[in-house]
C-alpha atoms as a PDB file:
ATOM      1  CA  UNK A   1      -0.015   0.027   0.047  1.00  0.00           C
ATOM      2  CA  UNK A   2       2.855   2.347   0.822  1.00  0.00           C
ATOM      3  CA  UNK A   3       4.292   2.285  -2.690  1.00  0.00           C
ATOM      4  CA  UNK A   4       1.067   3.327  -4.582  1.00  0.00           C
ATOM      5  CA  UNK A   5       0.416   6.119  -2.027  1.00  0.00           C
ATOM      6  CA  UNK A   6       3.976   7.494  -2.421  1.00  0.00           C
ATOM      7  CA  UNK A   7       3.753   7.159  -6.141  1.00  0.00           C
ATOM      8  CA  UNK A   8       0.614   9.352  -6.279  1.00  0.00           C
ATOM      9  CA  UNK A   9       2.252  11.965  -4.067  1.00  0.00           C
ATOM     10  CA  UNK A  10       5.765  12.046  -5.628  1.00  0.00           C
ATOM     11  CA  UNK A  11       4.910  11.009  -9.119  1.00  0.00           C
ATOM     12  CA  UNK A  12       4.703  14.249 -10.861  1.00  0.00           C
ATOM     13  CA  UNK A  13       8.015  15.616  -9.362  1.00  0.00           C
ATOM     14  CA  UNK A  14      10.135  12.693  -8.355  1.00  0.00           C
ATOM     15  CA  UNK A  15       8.804   9.636 -10.023  1.00  0.00           C
ATOM     16  CA  UNK A  16       6.894   6.551  -8.735  1.00  0.00           C
ATOM     17  CA  UNK A  17       8.118   4.479  -5.844  1.00  0.00           C
ATOM     18  CA  UNK A  18       7.839   0.776  -6.702  1.00  0.00           C
ATOM     19  CA  UNK A  19       6.469  -0.528  -3.417  1.00  0.00           C
ATOM     20  CA  UNK A  20       7.616  -2.609  -0.433  1.00  0.00           C
ATOM     21  CA  UNK A  21       8.540  -5.764  -2.522  1.00  0.00           C
ATOM     22  CA  UNK A  22      11.706  -4.427  -4.097  1.00  0.00           C
ATOM     23  CA  UNK A  23      12.774  -2.837  -0.820  1.00  0.00           C
ATOM     24  CA  UNK A  24      12.511  -6.302   0.958  1.00  0.00           C
ATOM     25  CA  UNK A  25      14.329  -7.928  -1.931  1.00  0.00           C
ATOM     26  CA  UNK A  26      17.202  -5.337  -1.771  1.00  0.00           C
ATOM     27  CA  UNK A  27      17.447  -5.728   2.003  1.00  0.00           C
ATOM     28  CA  UNK A  28      17.628  -9.636   1.778  1.00  0.00           C
ATOM     29  CA  UNK A  29      20.179  -9.438  -1.004  1.00  0.00           C
ATOM     30  CA  UNK A  30      22.266  -7.007   1.159  1.00  0.00           C
ATOM     31  CA  UNK A  31      21.957  -9.470   4.087  1.00  0.00           C
ATOM     32  CA  UNK A  32      23.188 -12.360   1.945  1.00  0.00           C
ATOM     33  CA  UNK A  33      25.937 -10.647   0.137  1.00  0.00           C
ATOM     34  CA  UNK A  34      27.195  -7.779   2.415  1.00  0.00           C
ATOM     35  CA  UNK A  35      26.534  -9.785   5.610  1.00  0.00           C
ATOM     36  CA  UNK A  36      28.554 -12.881   4.607  1.00  0.00           C
ATOM     37  CA  UNK A  37      32.043 -13.380   6.207  1.00  0.00           C
ATOM     38  CA  UNK A  38      34.637 -10.807   4.900  1.00  0.00           C
ATOM     39  CA  UNK A  39      37.384  -8.737   6.376  1.00  0.00           C
ATOM     40  CA  UNK A  40      35.070  -6.281   8.074  1.00  0.00           C
ATOM     41  CA  UNK A  41      32.707  -8.801   9.581  1.00  0.00           C
ATOM     42  CA  UNK A  42      35.692 -10.888  10.739  1.00  0.00           C
ATOM     43  CA  UNK A  43      37.530  -7.915  12.325  1.00  0.00           C
ATOM     44  CA  UNK A  44      34.292  -7.023  14.146  1.00  0.00           C
ATOM     45  CA  UNK A  45      33.856 -10.521  15.480  1.00  0.00           C
ATOM     46  CA  UNK A  46      37.504 -10.313  16.696  1.00  0.00           C
ATOM     47  CA  UNK A  47      36.937  -6.914  18.305  1.00  0.00           C
ATOM     48  CA  UNK A  48      33.731  -8.098  20.055  1.00  0.00           C
ATOM     49  CA  UNK A  49      35.247 -11.282  21.298  1.00  0.00           C
ATOM     50  CA  UNK A  50      38.348  -9.416  22.655  1.00  0.00           C
ATOM     51  CA  UNK A  51      36.950  -6.127  23.970  1.00  0.00           C
ATOM     52  CA  UNK A  52      33.177  -6.548  24.234  1.00  0.00           C
ATOM     53  CA  UNK A  53      30.496  -4.312  22.723  1.00  0.00           C
ATOM     54  CA  UNK A  54      30.964  -1.156  24.753  1.00  0.00           C
ATOM     55  CA  UNK A  55      34.667  -0.868  24.268  1.00  0.00           C
ATOM     56  CA  UNK A  56      34.350  -1.672  20.526  1.00  0.00           C
ATOM     57  CA  UNK A  57      31.633   0.940  19.953  1.00  0.00           C
ATOM     58  CA  UNK A  58      34.169   3.530  18.387  1.00  0.00           C
ATOM     59  CA  UNK A  59      35.621   0.896  16.019  1.00  0.00           C
ATOM     60  CA  UNK A  60      32.075  -0.179  15.017  1.00  0.00           C
ATOM     61  CA  UNK A  61      31.196   3.553  14.292  1.00  0.00           C
ATOM     62  CA  UNK A  62      34.196   3.965  12.196  1.00  0.00           C
ATOM     63  CA  UNK A  63      33.439   0.896  10.120  1.00  0.00           C
ATOM     64  CA  UNK A  64      29.864   2.207   9.545  1.00  0.00           C
ATOM     65  CA  UNK A  65      31.284   5.584   8.450  1.00  0.00           C
ATOM     66  CA  UNK A  66      33.885   4.069   6.209  1.00  0.00           C
ATOM     67  CA  UNK A  67      31.450   1.635   4.705  1.00  0.00           C
ATOM     68  CA  UNK A  68      28.933   4.357   4.278  1.00  0.00           C
ATOM     69  CA  UNK A  69      31.429   6.442   2.245  1.00  0.00           C
ATOM     70  CA  UNK A  70      31.751   3.476   0.024  1.00  0.00           C
ATOM     71  CA  UNK A  71      28.000   3.315  -0.411  1.00  0.00           C
ATOM     72  CA  UNK A  72      27.965   7.045  -1.294  1.00  0.00           C
ATOM     73  CA  UNK A  73      30.722   6.533  -3.849  1.00  0.00           C
ATOM     74  CA  UNK A  74      28.687   3.675  -5.465  1.00  0.00           C
ATOM     75  CA  UNK A  75      25.550   5.620  -5.480  1.00  0.00           C
ATOM     76  CA  UNK A  76      27.098   8.685  -7.136  1.00  0.00           C
ATOM     77  CA  UNK A  77      29.075   6.646  -9.701  1.00  0.00           C
ATOM     78  CA  UNK A  78      32.421   7.642  -8.284  1.00  0.00           C
ATOM     79  CA  UNK A  79      33.324   3.971  -7.911  1.00  0.00           C
ATOM     80  CA  UNK A  80      32.864   3.210 -11.561  1.00  0.00           C
ATOM     81  CA  UNK A  81      34.794   6.314 -12.500  1.00  0.00           C
ATOM     82  CA  UNK A  82      37.771   5.588 -10.217  1.00  0.00           C
ATOM     83  CA  UNK A  83      37.993   1.948 -11.190  1.00  0.00           C
ATOM     84  CA  UNK A  84      37.965   2.867 -14.860  1.00  0.00           C
ATOM     85  CA  UNK A  85      41.330   4.457 -14.375  1.00  0.00           C
ATOM     86  CA  UNK A  86      44.075   1.897 -15.023  1.00  0.00           C
ATOM     87  CA  UNK A  87      46.331   2.646 -12.153  1.00  0.00           C
ATOM     88  CA  UNK A  88      43.683   3.019  -9.462  1.00  0.00           C
ATOM     89  CA  UNK A  89      42.188  -0.524  -9.138  1.00  0.00           C
ATOM     90  CA  UNK A  90      45.689  -2.167  -8.505  1.00  0.00           C
ATOM     91  CA  UNK A  91      46.655   0.671  -6.140  1.00  0.00           C
ATOM     92  CA  UNK A  92      43.354   0.452  -4.209  1.00  0.00           C
ATOM     93  CA  UNK A  93      43.673  -3.403  -3.982  1.00  0.00           C
ATOM     94  CA  UNK A  94      47.407  -3.250  -2.964  1.00  0.00           C
ATOM     95  CA  UNK A  95      46.688  -0.853  -0.265  1.00  0.00           C
ATOM     96  CA  UNK A  96      43.611  -2.752   1.078  1.00  0.00           C
ATOM     97  CA  UNK A  97      45.615  -5.992   1.104  1.00  0.00           C
ATOM     98  CA  UNK A  98      48.592  -4.544   2.948  1.00  0.00           C
ATOM     99  CA  UNK A  99      46.410  -3.010   5.591  1.00  0.00           C
ATOM    100  CA  UNK A 100      44.358  -6.179   6.146  1.00  0.00           C
ATOM    101  CA  UNK A 101      47.409  -8.430   6.426  1.00  0.00           C
ATOM    102  CA  UNK A 102      48.911  -6.027   8.935  1.00  0.00           C
ATOM    103  CA  UNK A 103      45.663  -6.255  10.890  1.00  0.00           C
ATOM    104  CA  UNK A 104      45.538  -9.964  10.757  1.00  0.00           C
ATOM    105  CA  UNK A 105      49.280 -10.060  12.017  1.00  0.00           C
ATOM    106  CA  UNK A 106      48.457  -7.904  15.029  1.00  0.00           C
ATOM    107  CA  UNK A 107      45.233  -9.996  15.762  1.00  0.00           C
ATOM    108  CA  UNK A 108      47.222 -13.252  15.679  1.00  0.00           C
ATOM    109  CA  UNK A 109      50.113 -11.921  17.703  1.00  0.00           C
ATOM    110  CA  UNK A 110      48.335  -9.533  20.018  1.00  0.00           C
ATOM    111  CA  UNK A 111      47.606 -10.171  23.744  1.00  0.00           C
ATOM    112  CA  UNK A 112      45.646 -13.293  24.487  1.00  0.00           C
ATOM    113  CA  UNK A 113      43.677 -12.947  27.664  1.00  0.00           C
ATOM    114  CA  UNK A 114      40.408 -11.910  29.373  1.00  0.00           C
ATOM    115  CA  UNK A 115      38.259  -9.568  27.288  1.00  0.00           C
ATOM    116  CA  UNK A 116      38.182  -6.926  30.051  1.00  0.00           C
ATOM    117  CA  UNK A 117      41.968  -6.695  30.097  1.00  0.00           C
ATOM    118  CA  UNK A 118      43.030  -3.122  30.599  1.00  0.00           C
ATOM    119  CA  UNK A 119      46.455  -3.762  29.040  1.00  0.00           C
ATOM    120  CA  UNK A 120      45.049  -4.046  25.533  1.00  0.00           C
ATOM    121  CA  UNK A 121      43.647  -0.878  23.639  1.00  0.00           C
ATOM    122  CA  UNK A 122      40.569  -1.529  21.670  1.00  0.00           C
ATOM    123  CA  UNK A 123      40.737  -0.579  17.940  1.00  0.00           C
ATOM    124  CA  UNK A 124      39.735   3.098  17.457  1.00  0.00           C
ATOM    125  CA  UNK A 125      37.226   4.857  15.274  1.00  0.00           C
ATOM    126  CA  UNK A 126      39.859   5.868  12.660  1.00  0.00           C
ATOM    127  CA  UNK A 127      40.907   2.283  12.268  1.00  0.00           C
ATOM    128  CA  UNK A 128      37.396   1.160  11.637  1.00  0.00           C
ATOM    129  CA  UNK A 129      36.900   3.985   9.058  1.00  0.00           C
ATOM    130  CA  UNK A 130      40.069   3.048   7.274  1.00  0.00           C
ATOM    131  CA  UNK A 131      38.940  -0.611   7.239  1.00  0.00           C
ATOM    132  CA  UNK A 132      35.493   0.275   5.897  1.00  0.00           C
ATOM    133  CA  UNK A 133      37.022   2.175   2.902  1.00  0.00           C
ATOM    134  CA  UNK A 134      39.958  -0.224   2.344  1.00  0.00           C
ATOM    135  CA  UNK A 135      37.737  -3.316   2.496  1.00  0.00           C
ATOM    136  CA  UNK A 136      37.839  -4.714  -1.235  1.00  0.00           C
ATOM    137  CA  UNK A 137      34.753  -6.892  -0.512  1.00  0.00           C
ATOM    138  CA  UNK A 138      32.766  -3.927   0.440  1.00  0.00           C
ATOM    139  CA  UNK A 139      33.232  -2.038  -2.878  1.00  0.00           C
ATOM    140  CA  UNK A 140      32.272  -5.232  -4.877  1.00  0.00           C
ATOM    141  CA  UNK A 141      29.451  -6.246  -2.613  1.00  0.00           C
ATOM    142  CA  UNK A 142      27.860  -2.920  -2.405  1.00  0.00           C
ATOM    143  CA  UNK A 143      28.022  -2.299  -6.075  1.00  0.00           C
ATOM    144  CA  UNK A 144      26.487  -5.692  -6.779  1.00  0.00           C
ATOM    145  CA  UNK A 145      23.621  -5.096  -4.283  1.00  0.00           C
ATOM    146  CA  UNK A 146      23.086  -1.500  -5.327  1.00  0.00           C
ATOM    147  CA  UNK A 147      22.283  -2.675  -8.936  1.00  0.00           C
ATOM    148  CA  UNK A 148      20.250  -5.655  -7.898  1.00  0.00           C
ATOM    149  CA  UNK A 149      16.780  -3.834  -7.473  1.00  0.00           C
ATOM    150  CA  UNK A 150      15.035  -0.736  -8.596  1.00  0.00           C
ATOM    151  CA  UNK A 151      13.036   1.150  -6.048  1.00  0.00           C
ATOM    152  CA  UNK A 152      11.786   4.172  -7.902  1.00  0.00           C
ATOM    153  CA  UNK A 153      11.212   5.227 -11.591  1.00  0.00           C
ATOM    154  CA  UNK A 154      13.622   8.171 -11.551  1.00  0.00           C
ATOM    155  CA  UNK A 155      17.265   7.704 -11.094  1.00  0.00           C
ATOM    156  CA  UNK A 156      17.660  10.366  -8.157  1.00  0.00           C
ATOM    157  CA  UNK A 157      14.873   8.866  -6.075  1.00  0.00           C
ATOM    158  CA  UNK A 158      16.031   5.383  -6.838  1.00  0.00           C
ATOM    159  CA  UNK A 159      19.510   5.977  -5.626  1.00  0.00           C
ATOM    160  CA  UNK A 160      18.329   7.910  -2.553  1.00  0.00           C
ATOM    161  CA  UNK A 161      16.076   5.015  -1.628  1.00  0.00           C
ATOM    162  CA  UNK A 162      18.731   2.556  -2.079  1.00  0.00           C
ATOM    163  CA  UNK A 163      21.109   4.515  -0.017  1.00  0.00           C
ATOM    164  CA  UNK A 164      18.577   4.738   2.841  1.00  0.00           C
ATOM    165  CA  UNK A 165      17.776   1.001   2.799  1.00  0.00           C
ATOM    166  CA  UNK A 166      21.497   0.001   2.516  1.00  0.00           C
ATOM    167  CA  UNK A 167      22.688   2.394   5.262  1.00  0.00           C
ATOM    168  CA  UNK A 168      20.131   0.684   7.584  1.00  0.00           C
ATOM    169  CA  UNK A 169      21.443  -2.726   6.403  1.00  0.00           C
ATOM    170  CA  UNK A 170      25.140  -1.604   7.033  1.00  0.00           C
ATOM    171  CA  UNK A 171      24.235  -0.781  10.610  1.00  0.00           C
ATOM    172  CA  UNK A 172      22.323  -3.891  11.236  1.00  0.00           C
ATOM    173  CA  UNK A 173      24.969  -6.294   9.695  1.00  0.00           C
ATOM    174  CA  UNK A 174      27.927  -4.691  11.497  1.00  0.00           C
ATOM    175  CA  UNK A 175      26.254  -4.556  14.916  1.00  0.00           C
ATOM    176  CA  UNK A 176      25.159  -8.254  14.406  1.00  0.00           C
ATOM    177  CA  UNK A 177      28.566  -9.452  13.857  1.00  0.00           C
ATOM    178  CA  UNK A 178      30.121  -7.346  16.785  1.00  0.00           C
ATOM    179  CA  UNK A 179      27.400  -8.859  19.057  1.00  0.00           C
ATOM    180  CA  UNK A 180      28.238 -12.365  17.710  1.00  0.00           C
ATOM    181  CA  UNK A 181      31.825 -11.824  18.631  1.00  0.00           C
ATOM    182  CA  UNK A 182      30.955 -10.626  22.161  1.00  0.00           C
ATOM    183  CA  UNK A 183      29.164 -13.904  22.642  1.00  0.00           C
ATOM    184  CA  UNK A 184      32.533 -15.596  22.449  1.00  0.00           C
ATOM    185  CA  UNK A 185      33.953 -13.550  25.260  1.00  0.00           C
ATOM    186  CA  UNK A 186      33.726 -16.265  27.769  1.00  0.00           C
ATOM    187  CA  UNK A 187      36.179 -18.423  25.714  1.00  0.00           C
ATOM    188  CA  UNK A 188      38.786 -15.802  26.139  1.00  0.00           C
ATOM    189  CA  UNK A 189      39.221 -16.065  29.832  1.00  0.00           C
ATOM    190  CA  UNK A 190      41.425 -18.985  29.238  1.00  0.00           C
ATOM    191  CA  UNK A 191      44.790 -17.709  27.611  1.00  0.00           C
ATOM    192  CA  UNK A 192      45.437 -20.889  25.465  1.00  0.00           C
ATOM    193  CA  UNK A 193      41.918 -20.820  24.074  1.00  0.00           C
ATOM    194  CA  UNK A 194      42.028 -17.021  23.621  1.00  0.00           C
ATOM    195  CA  UNK A 195      45.295 -17.547  21.479  1.00  0.00           C
ATOM    196  CA  UNK A 196      43.657 -20.162  19.469  1.00  0.00           C
ATOM    197  CA  UNK A 197      40.587 -17.979  18.772  1.00  0.00           C
ATOM    198  CA  UNK A 198      42.877 -15.047  17.753  1.00  0.00           C
ATOM    199  CA  UNK A 199      44.820 -17.086  15.349  1.00  0.00           C
ATOM    200  CA  UNK A 200      41.741 -18.628  13.972  1.00  0.00           C
ATOM    201  CA  UNK A 201      40.107 -15.199  13.403  1.00  0.00           C
ATOM    202  CA  UNK A 202      43.525 -13.892  11.822  1.00  0.00           C
ATOM    203  CA  UNK A 203      43.480 -16.855   9.428  1.00  0.00           C
ATOM    204  CA  UNK A 204      39.868 -16.213   8.582  1.00  0.00           C
ATOM    205  CA  UNK A 205      40.720 -12.480   8.008  1.00  0.00           C
ATOM    206  CA  UNK A 206      43.510 -13.577   5.617  1.00  0.00           C
ATOM    207  CA  UNK A 207      41.229 -16.205   3.789  1.00  0.00           C
ATOM    208  CA  UNK A 208      38.371 -13.580   3.354  1.00  0.00           C
ATOM    209  CA  UNK A 209      40.761 -10.967   2.076  1.00  0.00           C
ATOM    210  CA  UNK A 210      42.169 -13.282  -0.478  1.00  0.00           C
ATOM    211  CA  UNK A 211      38.820 -14.297  -1.635  1.00  0.00           C
ATOM    212  CA  UNK A 212      37.776 -10.707  -1.979  1.00  0.00           C
ATOM    213  CA  UNK A 213      40.841  -9.781  -3.945  1.00  0.00           C
ATOM    214  CA  UNK A 214      40.486 -12.894  -6.132  1.00  0.00           C
ATOM    215  CA  UNK A 215      36.831 -11.875  -6.776  1.00  0.00           C
END
């Protein structure tokens, strides 16, 4: 019912909104593609497990900001323009890989102990923002999801509606992975198990990064 009503109201100026079905389809596609394991989601799981939700809130906010910047770049066509330049794509992928491998190394070799340990500093907002932008899977996944549905008959309204829906999904997905990581916190009170979890998450980060770059 919402689609036809909005269509009658906005049709003459903005174009017709296509209804709730495409919105739901876009949200489910985003959940499947953007919500699957990748560098960002694995790092959020690691942060939640090591530091808990409250201490990782700044990191989460940074990732949301960085990923949102990628979303805006996709919506405005900046992504296609940048990647059309021969030197940009390999430079972007190289920088992304270097940062993510550095992150995996520090995750595997960092302190292994109780999540509440005051000796370890949780990742900051700036680190999350950098990862959100540097994540190669994010660029590909958001671009794929963005083009998977049409929410309005005019390009401007369509892009705006997609940004609104996908922004909500970014917050939902990233928060969900952080909460999932926090649920592992009880395991980390045993140093040996904590080390094993750190190493496994680091290996998962390397694997998902390799998969993202190969894609």
